[in-house]
All heavy atoms as atom14 arrays in JSON, in Angstrom:
{
  "sequence": "EDGLRDTVSPKGNLILSGILGEQLPGILTLLDGHGFTLKT",
  "atom14_mask": [
    [1, 1, 1, 1, 1, 1, 1, 1, 1, 0, 0, 0, 0, 0],
    [1, 1, 1, 1, 1, 1, 1, 1, 0, 0, 0, 0, 0, 0],
    [1, 1, 1, 1, 0, 0, 0, 0, 0, 0, 0, 0, 0, 0],
    [1, 1, 1, 1, 1, 1, 1, 1, 0, 0, 0, 0, 0, 0],
    [1, 1, 1, 1, 1, 1, 1, 1, 1, 1, 1, 0, 0, 0],
    [1, 1, 1, 1, 1, 1, 1, 1, 0, 0, 0, 0, 0, 0],
    [1, 1, 1, 1, 1, 1, 1, 0, 0, 0, 0, 0, 0, 0],
    [1, 1, 1, 1, 1, 1, 1, 0, 0, 0, 0, 0, 0, 0],
    [1, 1, 1, 1, 1, 1, 0, 0, 0, 0, 0, 0, 0, 0],
    [1, 1, 1, 1, 1, 1, 1, 0, 0, 0, 0, 0, 0, 0],
    [1, 1, 1, 1, 1, 1, 1, 1, 1, 0, 0, 0, 0, 0],
    [1, 1, 1, 1, 0, 0, 0, 0, 0, 0, 0, 0, 0, 0],
    [1, 1, 1, 1, 1, 1, 1, 1, 0, 0, 0, 0, 0, 0],
    [1, 1, 1, 1, 1, 1, 1, 1, 0, 0, 0, 0, 0, 0],
    [1, 1, 1, 1, 1, 1, 1, 1, 0, 0, 0, 0, 0, 0],
    [1, 1, 1, 1, 1, 1, 1, 1, 0, 0, 0, 0, 0, 0],
    [1, 1, 1, 1, 1, 1, 0, 0, 0, 0, 0, 0, 0, 0],
    [1, 1, 1, 1, 0, 0, 0, 0, 0, 0, 0, 0, 0, 0],
    [1, 1, 1, 1, 1, 1, 1, 1, 0, 0, 0, 0, 0, 0],
    [1, 1, 1, 1, 1, 1, 1, 1, 0, 0, 0, 0, 0, 0],
    [1, 1, 1, 1, 0, 0, 0, 0, 0, 0, 0, 0, 0, 0],
    [1, 1, 1, 1, 1, 1, 1, 1, 1, 0, 0, 0, 0, 0],
    [1, 1, 1, 1, 1, 1, 1, 1, 1, 0, 0, 0, 0, 0],
    [1, 1, 1, 1, 1, 1, 1, 1, 0, 0, 0, 0, 0, 0],
    [1, 1, 1, 1, 1, 1, 1, 0, 0, 0, 0, 0, 0, 0],
    [1, 1, 1, 1, 0, 0, 0, 0, 0, 0, 0, 0, 0, 0],
    [1, 1, 1, 1, 1, 1, 1, 1, 0, 0, 0, 0, 0, 0],
    [1, 1, 1, 1, 1, 1, 1, 1, 0, 0, 0, 0, 0, 0],
    [1, 1, 1, 1, 1, 1, 1, 0, 0, 0, 0, 0, 0, 0],
    [1, 1, 1, 1, 1, 1, 1, 1, 0, 0, 0, 0, 0, 0],
    [1, 1, 1, 1, 1, 1, 1, 1, 0, 0, 0, 0, 0, 0],
    [1, 1, 1, 1, 1, 1, 1, 1, 0, 0, 0, 0, 0, 0],
    [1, 1, 1, 1, 0, 0, 0, 0, 0, 0, 0, 0, 0, 0],
    [1, 1, 1, 1, 1, 1, 1, 1, 1, 1, 0, 0, 0, 0],
    [1, 1, 1, 1, 0, 0, 0, 0, 0, 0, 0, 0, 0, 0],
    [1, 1, 1, 1, 1, 1, 1, 1, 1, 1, 1, 0, 0, 0],
    [1, 1, 1, 1, 1, 1, 1, 0, 0, 0, 0, 0, 0, 0],
    [1, 1, 1, 1, 1, 1, 1, 1, 0, 0, 0, 0, 0, 0],
    [1, 1, 1, 1, 1, 1, 1, 1, 1, 0, 0, 0, 0, 0],
    [1, 1, 1, 1, 1, 1, 1, 0, 0, 0, 0, 0, 0, 0]
  ],
  "atom14_positions": [
    [[-112.6, -136.1, -4.97], [-111.47, -136.17, -5.94], [-112.02, -136.27, -7.4], [-111.43, -135.76, -8.31], [-110.56, -137.35, -5.69], [-109.72, -137.12, -4.45], [-108.99, -138.44, -4.0], [-109.18, -139.48, -4.62], [-108.24, -138.3, -3.06], [0.0, 0.0, 0.0], [0.0, 0.0, 0.0], [0.0, 0.0, 0.0], [0.0, 0.0, 0.0], [0.0, 0.0, 0.0]],
    [[-113.2, -136.89, -7.53], [-113.82, -137.1, -8.82], [-114.81, -135.93, -9.2], [-115.45, -136.04, -10.24], [-114.52, -138.43, -8.9], [-113.58, -139.6, -8.81], [-112.4, -139.46, -9.17], [-114.07, -140.76, -8.53], [0.0, 0.0, 0.0], [0.0, 0.0, 0.0], [0.0, 0.0, 0.0], [0.0, 0.0, 0.0], [0.0, 0.0, 0.0], [0.0, 0.0, 0.0]],
    [[-114.86, -134.92, -8.39], [-115.65, -133.76, -8.8], [-117.02, -133.6, -8.12], [-117.91, -132.91, -8.61], [0.0, 0.0, 0.0], [0.0, 0.0, 0.0], [0.0, 0.0, 0.0], [0.0, 0.0, 0.0], [0.0, 0.0, 0.0], [0.0, 0.0, 0.0], [0.0, 0.0, 0.0], [0.0, 0.0, 0.0], [0.0, 0.0, 0.0], [0.0, 0.0, 0.0]],
    [[-117.18, -134.17, -6.91], [-118.46, -134.02, -6.17], [-118.8, -132.55, -6.0], [-119.98, -132.18, -6.11], [-118.36, -134.72, -4.78], [-119.57, -134.6, -3.9], [-120.8, -135.22, -4.57], [-119.34, -135.18, -2.55], [0.0, 0.0, 0.0], [0.0, 0.0, 0.0], [0.0, 0.0, 0.0], [0.0, 0.0, 0.0], [0.0, 0.0, 0.0], [0.0, 0.0, 0.0]],
    [[-117.86, -131.71, -5.71], [-118.07, -130.31, -5.5], [-118.88, -129.7, -6.66], [-119.79, -128.95, -6.46], [-116.76, -129.52, -5.34], [-117.0, -128.02, -5.19], [-115.68, -127.3, -5.26], [-115.82, -125.91, -5.07], [-116.08, -125.05, -6.09], [-116.17, -125.51, -7.32], [-116.13, -123.76, -5.88], [0.0, 0.0, 0.0], [0.0, 0.0, 0.0], [0.0, 0.0, 0.0]],
    [[-118.52, -130.11, -7.88], [-119.19, -129.49, -9.04], [-120.57, -129.93, -9.25], [-121.3, -129.32, -10.06], [-118.39, -129.88, -10.31], [-116.95, -129.22, -10.22], [-116.77, -128.17, -9.58], [-116.02, -129.86, -10.82], [0.0, 0.0, 0.0], [0.0, 0.0, 0.0], [0.0, 0.0, 0.0], [0.0, 0.0, 0.0], [0.0, 0.0, 0.0], [0.0, 0.0, 0.0]],
    [[-121.05, -130.96, -8.51], [-122.43, -131.32, -8.61], [-123.34, -130.47, -7.71], [-124.61, -130.57, -7.84], [-122.63, -132.86, -8.21], [-122.31, -133.02, -6.88], [-121.71, -133.71, -9.14], [0.0, 0.0, 0.0], [0.0, 0.0, 0.0], [0.0, 0.0, 0.0], [0.0, 0.0, 0.0], [0.0, 0.0, 0.0], [0.0, 0.0, 0.0], [0.0, 0.0, 0.0]],
    [[-122.76, -129.68, -6.9], [-123.49, -128.8, -5.99], [-123.42, -127.39, -6.6], [-122.33, -126.84, -6.9], [-122.87, -128.76, -4.58], [-123.68, -127.84, -3.67], [-122.84, -130.14, -4.0], [0.0, 0.0, 0.0], [0.0, 0.0, 0.0], [0.0, 0.0, 0.0], [0.0, 0.0, 0.0], [0.0, 0.0, 0.0], [0.0, 0.0, 0.0], [0.0, 0.0, 0.0]],
    [[-124.56, -126.78, -6.81], [-124.59, -125.46, -7.38], [-123.97, -124.43, -6.46], [-124.01, -124.66, -5.23], [-126.1, -125.03, -7.57], [-126.74, -125.9, -8.51], [0.0, 0.0, 0.0], [0.0, 0.0, 0.0], [0.0, 0.0, 0.0], [0.0, 0.0, 0.0], [0.0, 0.0, 0.0], [0.0, 0.0, 0.0], [0.0, 0.0, 0.0], [0.0, 0.0, 0.0]],
    [[-123.46, -123.33, -6.96], [-123.01, -122.24, -6.12], [-124.14, -121.81, -5.15], [-125.24, -121.68, -5.6], [-122.62, -121.11, -7.07], [-122.26, -121.86, -8.32], [-123.22, -123.03, -8.42], [0.0, 0.0, 0.0], [0.0, 0.0, 0.0], [0.0, 0.0, 0.0], [0.0, 0.0, 0.0], [0.0, 0.0, 0.0], [0.0, 0.0, 0.0], [0.0, 0.0, 0.0]],
    [[-123.81, -121.67, -3.92], [-124.77, -121.39, -2.83], [-125.64, -122.58, -2.52], [-126.61, -122.45, -1.78], [-125.58, -120.16, -3.12], [-124.79, -118.91, -3.38], [-124.0, -118.45, -2.13], [-123.21, -117.21, -2.47], [-122.32, -116.81, -1.39], [0.0, 0.0, 0.0], [0.0, 0.0, 0.0], [0.0, 0.0, 0.0], [0.0, 0.0, 0.0], [0.0, 0.0, 0.0]],
    [[-125.36, -123.77, -3.13], [-126.12, -124.97, -2.89], [-125.74, -125.66, -1.62], [-124.78, -125.3, -0.93], [0.0, 0.0, 0.0], [0.0, 0.0, 0.0], [0.0, 0.0, 0.0], [0.0, 0.0, 0.0], [0.0, 0.0, 0.0], [0.0, 0.0, 0.0], [0.0, 0.0, 0.0], [0.0, 0.0, 0.0], [0.0, 0.0, 0.0], [0.0, 0.0, 0.0]],
    [[-126.53, -126.65, -1.28], [-126.35, -127.41, -0.03], [-125.89, -128.82, -0.24], [-126.16, -129.46, -1.23], [-127.68, -127.5, 0.71], [-128.17, -126.16, 1.11], [-127.63, -125.52, 2.02], [-129.22, -125.66, 0.41], [0.0, 0.0, 0.0], [0.0, 0.0, 0.0], [0.0, 0.0, 0.0], [0.0, 0.0, 0.0], [0.0, 0.0, 0.0], [0.0, 0.0, 0.0]],
    [[-125.04, -129.3, 0.69], [-124.49, -130.65, 0.66], [-124.7, -131.25, 2.09], [-124.29, -130.7, 3.03], [-122.99, -130.61, 0.37], [-122.26, -131.87, 0.41], [-122.72, -132.83, -0.69], [-120.68, -131.64, 0.24], [0.0, 0.0, 0.0], [0.0, 0.0, 0.0], [0.0, 0.0, 0.0], [0.0, 0.0, 0.0], [0.0, 0.0, 0.0], [0.0, 0.0, 0.0]],
    [[-125.37, -132.39, 2.08], [-125.59, -133.1, 3.36], [-124.8, -134.42, 3.25], [-125.0, -135.18, 2.33], [-127.07, -133.34, 3.63], [-127.79, -132.02, 3.78], [-127.24, -134.25, 4.86], [-129.33, -132.14, 3.89], [0.0, 0.0, 0.0], [0.0, 0.0, 0.0], [0.0, 0.0, 0.0], [0.0, 0.0, 0.0], [0.0, 0.0, 0.0], [0.0, 0.0, 0.0]],
    [[-123.91, -134.63, 4.22], [-123.09, -135.85, 4.3], [-123.39, -136.54, 5.56], [-123.47, -135.97, 6.66], [-121.6, -135.46, 4.26], [-121.16, -134.63, 3.04], [-119.66, -134.27, 3.19], [-121.37, -135.36, 1.79], [0.0, 0.0, 0.0], [0.0, 0.0, 0.0], [0.0, 0.0, 0.0], [0.0, 0.0, 0.0], [0.0, 0.0, 0.0], [0.0, 0.0, 0.0]],
    [[-123.46, -137.89, 5.51], [-123.58, -138.68, 6.76], [-122.82, -139.97, 6.52], [-122.37, -140.22, 5.44], [-125.06, -138.91, 7.09], [-125.7, -139.58, 6.02], [0.0, 0.0, 0.0], [0.0, 0.0, 0.0], [0.0, 0.0, 0.0], [0.0, 0.0, 0.0], [0.0, 0.0, 0.0], [0.0, 0.0, 0.0], [0.0, 0.0, 0.0], [0.0, 0.0, 0.0]],
    [[-122.74, -140.75, 7.59], [-121.92, -141.95, 7.49], [-120.49, -141.72, 7.88], [-119.63, -142.47, 7.49], [0.0, 0.0, 0.0], [0.0, 0.0, 0.0], [0.0, 0.0, 0.0], [0.0, 0.0, 0.0], [0.0, 0.0, 0.0], [0.0, 0.0, 0.0], [0.0, 0.0, 0.0], [0.0, 0.0, 0.0], [0.0, 0.0, 0.0], [0.0, 0.0, 0.0]],
    [[-120.27, -140.72, 8.63], [-118.91, -140.28, 9.03], [-118.66, -140.67, 10.5], [-119.5, -140.32, 11.35], [-118.71, -138.76, 8.86], [-118.97, -138.38, 7.38], [-117.35, -138.29, 9.3], [-119.28, -136.94, 7.17], [0.0, 0.0, 0.0], [0.0, 0.0, 0.0], [0.0, 0.0, 0.0], [0.0, 0.0, 0.0], [0.0, 0.0, 0.0], [0.0, 0.0, 0.0]],
    [[-117.57, -141.31, 10.73], [-117.18, -141.71, 12.09], [-116.41, -140.58, 12.69], [-115.74, -139.78, 12.02], [-116.42, -143.0, 12.12], [-117.16, -144.22, 11.62], [-116.21, -145.42, 11.4], [-118.3, -144.54, 12.64], [0.0, 0.0, 0.0], [0.0, 0.0, 0.0], [0.0, 0.0, 0.0], [0.0, 0.0, 0.0], [0.0, 0.0, 0.0], [0.0, 0.0, 0.0]],
    [[-116.39, -140.49, 14.06], [-115.76, -139.43, 14.82], [-114.3, -139.24, 14.43], [-113.84, -138.06, 14.27], [0.0, 0.0, 0.0], [0.0, 0.0, 0.0], [0.0, 0.0, 0.0], [0.0, 0.0, 0.0], [0.0, 0.0, 0.0], [0.0, 0.0, 0.0], [0.0, 0.0, 0.0], [0.0, 0.0, 0.0], [0.0, 0.0, 0.0], [0.0, 0.0, 0.0]],
    [[-113.51, -140.28, 14.3], [-112.12, -140.15, 13.98], [-111.9, -139.65, 12.53], [-110.83, -139.18, 12.21], [-111.35, -141.45, 14.26], [-111.76, -142.6, 13.38], [-112.85, -143.48, 13.95], [-113.5, -143.15, 14.99], [-113.02, -144.6, 13.36], [0.0, 0.0, 0.0], [0.0, 0.0, 0.0], [0.0, 0.0, 0.0], [0.0, 0.0, 0.0], [0.0, 0.0, 0.0]],
    [[-112.93, -139.72, 11.73], [-112.82, -139.29, 10.33], [-113.21, -137.81, 10.19], [-112.95, -137.23, 9.15], [-113.66, -140.17, 9.39], [-113.26, -141.61, 9.45], [-114.3, -142.52, 8.85], [-115.48, -142.19, 8.84], [-113.88, -143.61, 8.3], [0.0, 0.0, 0.0], [0.0, 0.0, 0.0], [0.0, 0.0, 0.0], [0.0, 0.0, 0.0], [0.0, 0.0, 0.0]],
    [[-113.87, -137.28, 11.2], [-114.41, -135.95, 11.1], [-113.4, -134.82, 10.74], [-113.66, -134.05, 9.83], [-115.2, -135.58, 12.33], [-115.84, -134.24, 12.35], [-116.93, -134.12, 11.24], [-116.42, -133.95, 13.72], [0.0, 0.0, 0.0], [0.0, 0.0, 0.0], [0.0, 0.0, 0.0], [0.0, 0.0, 0.0], [0.0, 0.0, 0.0], [0.0, 0.0, 0.0]],
    [[-112.25, -134.77, 11.39], [-111.33, -133.68, 11.05], [-110.9, -133.69, 9.55], [-110.87, -132.61, 8.95], [-110.07, -133.95, 11.91], [-110.65, -134.75, 13.09], [-111.76, -135.53, 12.55], [0.0, 0.0, 0.0], [0.0, 0.0, 0.0], [0.0, 0.0, 0.0], [0.0, 0.0, 0.0], [0.0, 0.0, 0.0], [0.0, 0.0, 0.0], [0.0, 0.0, 0.0]],
    [[-110.67, -134.87, 9.01], [-110.35, -134.91, 7.59], [-111.44, -134.47, 6.68], [-111.23, -133.79, 5.63], [0.0, 0.0, 0.0], [0.0, 0.0, 0.0], [0.0, 0.0, 0.0], [0.0, 0.0, 0.0], [0.0, 0.0, 0.0], [0.0, 0.0, 0.0], [0.0, 0.0, 0.0], [0.0, 0.0, 0.0], [0.0, 0.0, 0.0], [0.0, 0.0, 0.0]],
    [[-112.67, -134.82, 7.0], [-113.79, -134.42, 6.18], [-114.03, -132.95, 6.3], [-114.35, -132.25, 5.29], [-115.11, -135.26, 6.57], [-114.87, -136.72, 6.26], [-116.31, -134.7, 5.84], [-114.66, -137.04, 4.81], [0.0, 0.0, 0.0], [0.0, 0.0, 0.0], [0.0, 0.0, 0.0], [0.0, 0.0, 0.0], [0.0, 0.0, 0.0], [0.0, 0.0, 0.0]],
    [[-113.88, -132.37, 7.54], [-114.06, -130.93, 7.68], [-113.04, -130.14, 6.87], [-113.34, -129.12, 6.23], [-114.01, -130.53, 9.15], [-115.18, -130.99, 9.98], [-114.93, -130.66, 11.43], [-116.5, -130.43, 9.5], [0.0, 0.0, 0.0], [0.0, 0.0, 0.0], [0.0, 0.0, 0.0], [0.0, 0.0, 0.0], [0.0, 0.0, 0.0], [0.0, 0.0, 0.0]],
    [[-111.82, -130.64, 6.83], [-110.76, -130.02, 6.05], [-111.06, -130.12, 4.58], [-110.86, -129.17, 3.82], [-109.39, -130.67, 6.3], [-109.11, -130.53, 7.72], [-108.29, -130.12, 5.47], [0.0, 0.0, 0.0], [0.0, 0.0, 0.0], [0.0, 0.0, 0.0], [0.0, 0.0, 0.0], [0.0, 0.0, 0.0], [0.0, 0.0, 0.0], [0.0, 0.0, 0.0]],
    [[-111.63, -131.24, 4.16], [-112.01, -131.48, 2.77], [-113.09, -130.45, 2.35], [-113.01, -129.88, 1.3], [-112.48, -132.92, 2.62], [-112.81, -133.39, 1.25], [-111.53, -133.57, 0.42], [-113.57, -134.75, 1.37], [0.0, 0.0, 0.0], [0.0, 0.0, 0.0], [0.0, 0.0, 0.0], [0.0, 0.0, 0.0], [0.0, 0.0, 0.0], [0.0, 0.0, 0.0]],
    [[-114.08, -130.36, 3.19], [-115.15, -129.41, 2.86], [-114.66, -128.01, 2.78], [-114.96, -127.32, 1.77], [-116.28, -129.45, 4.01], [-117.19, -130.62, 4.04], [-118.03, -130.6, 5.28], [-118.06, -130.66, 2.75], [0.0, 0.0, 0.0], [0.0, 0.0, 0.0], [0.0, 0.0, 0.0], [0.0, 0.0, 0.0], [0.0, 0.0, 0.0], [0.0, 0.0, 0.0]],
    [[-113.86, -127.58, 3.7], [-113.28, -126.19, 3.66], [-112.45, -126.02, 2.42], [-112.54, -124.98, 1.75], [-112.44, -126.0, 4.93], [-111.94, -124.55, 5.02], [-112.75, -123.63, 5.01], [-110.72, -124.42, 5.09], [0.0, 0.0, 0.0], [0.0, 0.0, 0.0], [0.0, 0.0, 0.0], [0.0, 0.0, 0.0], [0.0, 0.0, 0.0], [0.0, 0.0, 0.0]],
    [[-111.67, -127.0, 2.06], [-110.77, -126.86, 0.92], [-111.48, -126.87, -0.38], [-110.99, -126.47, -1.41], [0.0, 0.0, 0.0], [0.0, 0.0, 0.0], [0.0, 0.0, 0.0], [0.0, 0.0, 0.0], [0.0, 0.0, 0.0], [0.0, 0.0, 0.0], [0.0, 0.0, 0.0], [0.0, 0.0, 0.0], [0.0, 0.0, 0.0], [0.0, 0.0, 0.0]],
    [[-112.73, -127.32, -0.38], [-113.55, -127.31, -1.65], [-114.62, -126.2, -1.59], [-115.53, -126.15, -2.36], [-114.24, -128.67, -1.81], [-113.25, -129.65, -2.35], [-112.51, -130.48, -1.49], [-112.96, -130.04, -3.62], [-111.77, -131.26, -2.25], [-112.01, -131.04, -3.56], [0.0, 0.0, 0.0], [0.0, 0.0, 0.0], [0.0, 0.0, 0.0], [0.0, 0.0, 0.0]],
    [[-114.49, -125.19, -0.71], [-115.33, -124.07, -0.72], [-116.67, -124.19, -0.02], [-117.6, -123.47, -0.34], [0.0, 0.0, 0.0], [0.0, 0.0, 0.0], [0.0, 0.0, 0.0], [0.0, 0.0, 0.0], [0.0, 0.0, 0.0], [0.0, 0.0, 0.0], [0.0, 0.0, 0.0], [0.0, 0.0, 0.0], [0.0, 0.0, 0.0], [0.0, 0.0, 0.0]],
    [[-116.78, -125.15, 0.95], [-118.05, -125.32, 1.65], [-117.86, -124.75, 3.08], [-116.81, -124.86, 3.69], [-118.38, -126.81, 1.77], [-118.88, -127.38, 0.47], [-118.0, -127.93, -0.41], [-120.22, -127.4, 0.17], [-118.45, -128.48, -1.62], [-120.69, -127.94, -1.02], [-119.77, -128.48, -1.94], [0.0, 0.0, 0.0], [0.0, 0.0, 0.0], [0.0, 0.0, 0.0]],
    [[-118.92, -124.14, 3.56], [-118.97, -123.72, 4.97], [-119.89, -124.64, 5.76], [-120.98, -124.95, 5.3], [-119.6, -122.28, 5.02], [-118.75, -121.41, 4.27], [-119.73, -121.82, 6.43], [0.0, 0.0, 0.0], [0.0, 0.0, 0.0], [0.0, 0.0, 0.0], [0.0, 0.0, 0.0], [0.0, 0.0, 0.0], [0.0, 0.0, 0.0], [0.0, 0.0, 0.0]],
    [[-119.41, -125.1, 6.86], [-120.14, -126.01, 7.72], [-121.28, -125.23, 8.37], [-121.09, -124.22, 9.04], [-119.28, -126.62, 8.81], [-120.0, -127.65, 9.78], [-120.48, -128.85, 9.01], [-119.07, -128.01, 10.85], [0.0, 0.0, 0.0], [0.0, 0.0, 0.0], [0.0, 0.0, 0.0], [0.0, 0.0, 0.0], [0.0, 0.0, 0.0], [0.0, 0.0, 0.0]],
    [[-122.51, -125.68, 8.2], [-123.69, -125.06, 8.81], [-124.17, -125.78, 10.07], [-124.57, -125.15, 11.03], [-124.86, -124.93, 7.79], [-124.54, -124.01, 6.63], [-124.29, -122.59, 7.12], [-124.18, -121.68, 5.94], [-123.98, -120.26, 6.41], [0.0, 0.0, 0.0], [0.0, 0.0, 0.0], [0.0, 0.0, 0.0], [0.0, 0.0, 0.0], [0.0, 0.0, 0.0]],
    [[-124.16, -127.08, 10.02], [-124.64, -127.91, 11.15], [-123.94, -129.22, 11.15], [-123.59, -129.8, 10.11], [-126.17, -128.17, 10.94], [-126.86, -126.95, 10.91], [-126.68, -128.94, 12.2], [0.0, 0.0, 0.0], [0.0, 0.0, 0.0], [0.0, 0.0, 0.0], [0.0, 0.0, 0.0], [0.0, 0.0, 0.0], [0.0, 0.0, 0.0], [0.0, 0.0, 0.0]]
  ]
}
């Protein structure tokens, strides 16, 4: 919400951890909505 997406260059990489299983769907939706493709 505060602009994390803009800290990643176009075609850049973002690694996130510290996510619990029940939180995963929301984080995947967030990534997709901000123009990220899940690689792994």
